Amino acid sequence: MVPRQKAPFTDAENATIRRVLAKMADDLGSQAKVARAIGVSQPTVSAILSGRQGASVGLARRIA
């Protein structure tokens, strides 16, 4: 069995990233536009916003 990797961000840090993504979605008008702007898929943006998935370090760098 492969050991589980430590998540790159705490729950509080992921909550902050979700707030930034939500603001971007409000400003740009859609999750799809956010996804294109930061180079990920819309389902990835949706999964992060819903809390089903945490953000990666790469994504955090792109929205910084």
N, C-alpha and C. Protein backbone atom coordinates (compact mmCIF):
# COMPACT_ATOMS: atom_id res chain seq x y z
N MET A 1 0.85 -1.18 0.00
CA MET A 1 0.00 0.00 0.00
C MET A 1 0.89 1.24 0.00
N VAL A 2 0.55 2.22 -0.83
CA VAL A 2 1.32 3.45 -0.93
C VAL A 2 0.89 4.40 0.20
N PRO A 3 1.87 4.95 0.94
CA PRO A 3 1.48 5.88 2.00
C PRO A 3 0.84 7.14 1.43
N ARG A 4 -0.13 7.65 2.15
CA ARG A 4 -0.83 8.86 1.72
C ARG A 4 0.09 10.07 1.90
N GLN A 5 0.13 10.92 0.87
CA GLN A 5 0.95 12.12 0.94
C GLN A 5 0.25 13.19 1.77
N LYS A 6 1.05 14.00 2.44
CA LYS A 6 0.51 15.12 3.20
C LYS A 6 -0.03 16.16 2.23
N ALA A 7 -1.19 16.68 2.52
CA ALA A 7 -1.78 17.73 1.69
C ALA A 7 -0.89 18.98 1.75
N PRO A 8 -0.75 19.68 0.61
CA PRO A 8 0.14 20.84 0.60
C PRO A 8 -0.38 22.02 1.41
N PHE A 9 -1.69 22.08 1.66
CA PHE A 9 -2.27 23.21 2.37
C PHE A 9 -3.19 22.74 3.50
N THR A 10 -3.28 23.55 4.53
CA THR A 10 -4.20 23.28 5.63
C THR A 10 -5.63 23.58 5.17
N ASP A 11 -6.59 23.17 5.98
CA ASP A 11 -7.99 23.48 5.66
C ASP A 11 -8.20 24.99 5.57
N ALA A 12 -7.59 25.74 6.47
CA ALA A 12 -7.74 27.20 6.47
C ALA A 12 -7.12 27.81 5.21
N GLU A 13 -5.98 27.30 4.80
CA GLU A 13 -5.35 27.81 3.57
C GLU A 13 -6.19 27.48 2.35
N ASN A 14 -6.75 26.27 2.30
CA ASN A 14 -7.63 25.92 1.18
C ASN A 14 -8.88 26.79 1.17
N ALA A 15 -9.39 27.14 2.36
CA ALA A 15 -10.55 28.03 2.43
C ALA A 15 -10.22 29.40 1.83
N THR A 16 -9.02 29.89 2.10
CA THR A 16 -8.58 31.17 1.53
C THR A 16 -8.49 31.07 0.01
N ILE A 17 -7.93 29.98 -0.48
CA ILE A 17 -7.82 29.78 -1.93
C ILE A 17 -9.21 29.70 -2.55
N ARG A 18 -10.15 29.02 -1.87
CA ARG A 18 -11.53 28.96 -2.38
C ARG A 18 -12.14 30.36 -2.47
N ARG A 19 -11.90 31.20 -1.46
CA ARG A 19 -12.43 32.57 -1.49
C ARG A 19 -11.86 33.35 -2.67
N VAL A 20 -10.56 33.19 -2.93
CA VAL A 20 -9.93 33.88 -4.06
C VAL A 20 -10.54 33.40 -5.38
N LEU A 21 -10.69 32.09 -5.53
CA LEU A 21 -11.29 31.55 -6.75
C LEU A 21 -12.73 32.01 -6.92
N ALA A 22 -13.49 32.06 -5.83
CA ALA A 22 -14.88 32.52 -5.91
C ALA A 22 -14.93 33.98 -6.33
N LYS A 23 -14.04 34.79 -5.81
CA LYS A 23 -13.98 36.22 -6.21
C LYS A 23 -13.62 36.33 -7.68
N MET A 24 -12.66 35.52 -8.12
CA MET A 24 -12.29 35.52 -9.54
C MET A 24 -13.49 35.14 -10.40
N ALA A 25 -14.24 34.13 -9.98
CA ALA A 25 -15.41 33.69 -10.74
C ALA A 25 -16.45 34.81 -10.81
N ASP A 26 -16.64 35.52 -9.71
CA ASP A 26 -17.57 36.66 -9.72
C ASP A 26 -17.08 37.75 -10.67
N ASP A 27 -15.79 38.05 -10.60
CA ASP A 27 -15.23 39.12 -11.43
C ASP A 27 -15.21 38.76 -12.91
N LEU A 28 -14.86 37.52 -13.22
CA LEU A 28 -14.74 37.10 -14.62
C LEU A 28 -16.07 36.60 -15.20
N GLY A 29 -16.98 36.19 -14.34
CA GLY A 29 -18.31 35.79 -14.81
C GLY A 29 -18.58 34.31 -14.87
N SER A 30 -17.55 33.47 -14.74
CA SER A 30 -17.82 32.02 -14.76
C SER A 30 -16.60 31.24 -14.29
N GLN A 31 -16.87 30.02 -13.85
CA GLN A 31 -15.78 29.11 -13.48
C GLN A 31 -14.93 28.76 -14.70
N ALA A 32 -15.56 28.64 -15.85
CA ALA A 32 -14.82 28.29 -17.07
C ALA A 32 -13.80 29.37 -17.41
N LYS A 33 -14.16 30.63 -17.23
CA LYS A 33 -13.22 31.72 -17.51
C LYS A 33 -12.08 31.72 -16.50
N VAL A 34 -12.38 31.41 -15.25
CA VAL A 34 -11.32 31.29 -14.24
C VAL A 34 -10.38 30.16 -14.65
N ALA A 35 -10.95 29.03 -15.02
CA ALA A 35 -10.14 27.86 -15.41
C ALA A 35 -9.19 28.21 -16.55
N ARG A 36 -9.72 28.88 -17.58
CA ARG A 36 -8.86 29.27 -18.72
C ARG A 36 -7.78 30.24 -18.26
N ALA A 37 -8.12 31.17 -17.39
CA ALA A 37 -7.16 32.18 -16.93
C ALA A 37 -6.00 31.58 -16.15
N ILE A 38 -6.26 30.49 -15.42
CA ILE A 38 -5.21 29.91 -14.58
C ILE A 38 -4.69 28.57 -15.10
N GLY A 39 -5.19 28.14 -16.25
CA GLY A 39 -4.65 26.95 -16.89
C GLY A 39 -5.03 25.62 -16.28
N VAL A 40 -6.27 25.53 -15.79
CA VAL A 40 -6.80 24.25 -15.29
C VAL A 40 -8.16 24.02 -15.94
N SER A 41 -8.76 22.87 -15.68
CA SER A 41 -10.09 22.59 -16.22
C SER A 41 -11.17 23.19 -15.32
N GLN A 42 -12.33 23.42 -15.92
CA GLN A 42 -13.46 23.92 -15.13
C GLN A 42 -13.86 22.93 -14.04
N PRO A 43 -13.86 21.61 -14.30
CA PRO A 43 -14.18 20.69 -13.22
C PRO A 43 -13.20 20.78 -12.03
N THR A 44 -11.94 21.12 -12.31
CA THR A 44 -10.98 21.30 -11.21
C THR A 44 -11.37 22.51 -10.38
N VAL A 45 -11.72 23.62 -11.04
CA VAL A 45 -12.16 24.81 -10.31
C VAL A 45 -13.39 24.47 -9.47
N SER A 46 -14.34 23.77 -10.07
CA SER A 46 -15.56 23.39 -9.35
C SER A 46 -15.26 22.52 -8.13
N ALA A 47 -14.37 21.54 -8.31
CA ALA A 47 -14.03 20.63 -7.20
C ALA A 47 -13.35 21.38 -6.05
N ILE A 48 -12.52 22.35 -6.37
CA ILE A 48 -11.86 23.12 -5.32
C ILE A 48 -12.88 24.02 -4.63
N LEU A 49 -13.72 24.70 -5.41
CA LEU A 49 -14.72 25.59 -4.82
C LEU A 49 -15.69 24.84 -3.91
N SER A 50 -16.02 23.61 -4.27
CA SER A 50 -16.97 22.83 -3.47
C SER A 50 -16.31 22.16 -2.26
N GLY A 51 -14.97 22.18 -2.23
CA GLY A 51 -14.26 21.54 -1.14
C GLY A 51 -13.99 20.06 -1.35
N ARG A 52 -14.37 19.52 -2.52
CA ARG A 52 -14.11 18.11 -2.80
C ARG A 52 -12.63 17.84 -3.04
N GLN A 53 -11.91 18.88 -3.42
CA GLN A 53 -10.49 18.75 -3.75
C GLN A 53 -9.76 19.97 -3.19
N GLY A 54 -8.57 19.74 -2.70
CA GLY A 54 -7.73 20.85 -2.25
C GLY A 54 -6.92 21.40 -3.41
N ALA A 55 -6.42 22.59 -3.22
CA ALA A 55 -5.61 23.22 -4.26
C ALA A 55 -4.19 22.65 -4.27
N SER A 56 -3.60 22.65 -5.44
CA SER A 56 -2.20 22.24 -5.57
C SER A 56 -1.31 23.47 -5.39
N VAL A 57 -0.05 23.23 -5.15
CA VAL A 57 0.90 24.33 -5.03
C VAL A 57 0.96 25.11 -6.34
N GLY A 58 0.95 24.40 -7.46
CA GLY A 58 0.99 25.05 -8.76
C GLY A 58 -0.20 25.97 -8.99
N LEU A 59 -1.39 25.53 -8.61
CA LEU A 59 -2.58 26.36 -8.76
C LEU A 59 -2.46 27.59 -7.88
N ALA A 60 -2.02 27.41 -6.66
CA ALA A 60 -1.86 28.55 -5.74
C ALA A 60 -0.89 29.58 -6.31
N ARG A 61 0.18 29.11 -6.92
CA ARG A 61 1.14 30.03 -7.53
C ARG A 61 0.51 30.80 -8.68
N ARG A 62 -0.35 30.14 -9.46
CA ARG A 62 -0.96 30.79 -10.62
C ARG A 62 -1.96 31.87 -10.20
N ILE A 63 -2.59 31.73 -9.04
CA ILE A 63 -3.55 32.75 -8.62
C ILE A 63 -2.93 33.79 -7.70
N ALA A 64 -1.68 33.61 -7.35
CA ALA A 64 -1.02 34.57 -6.44
C ALA A 64 -0.81 35.91 -7.11
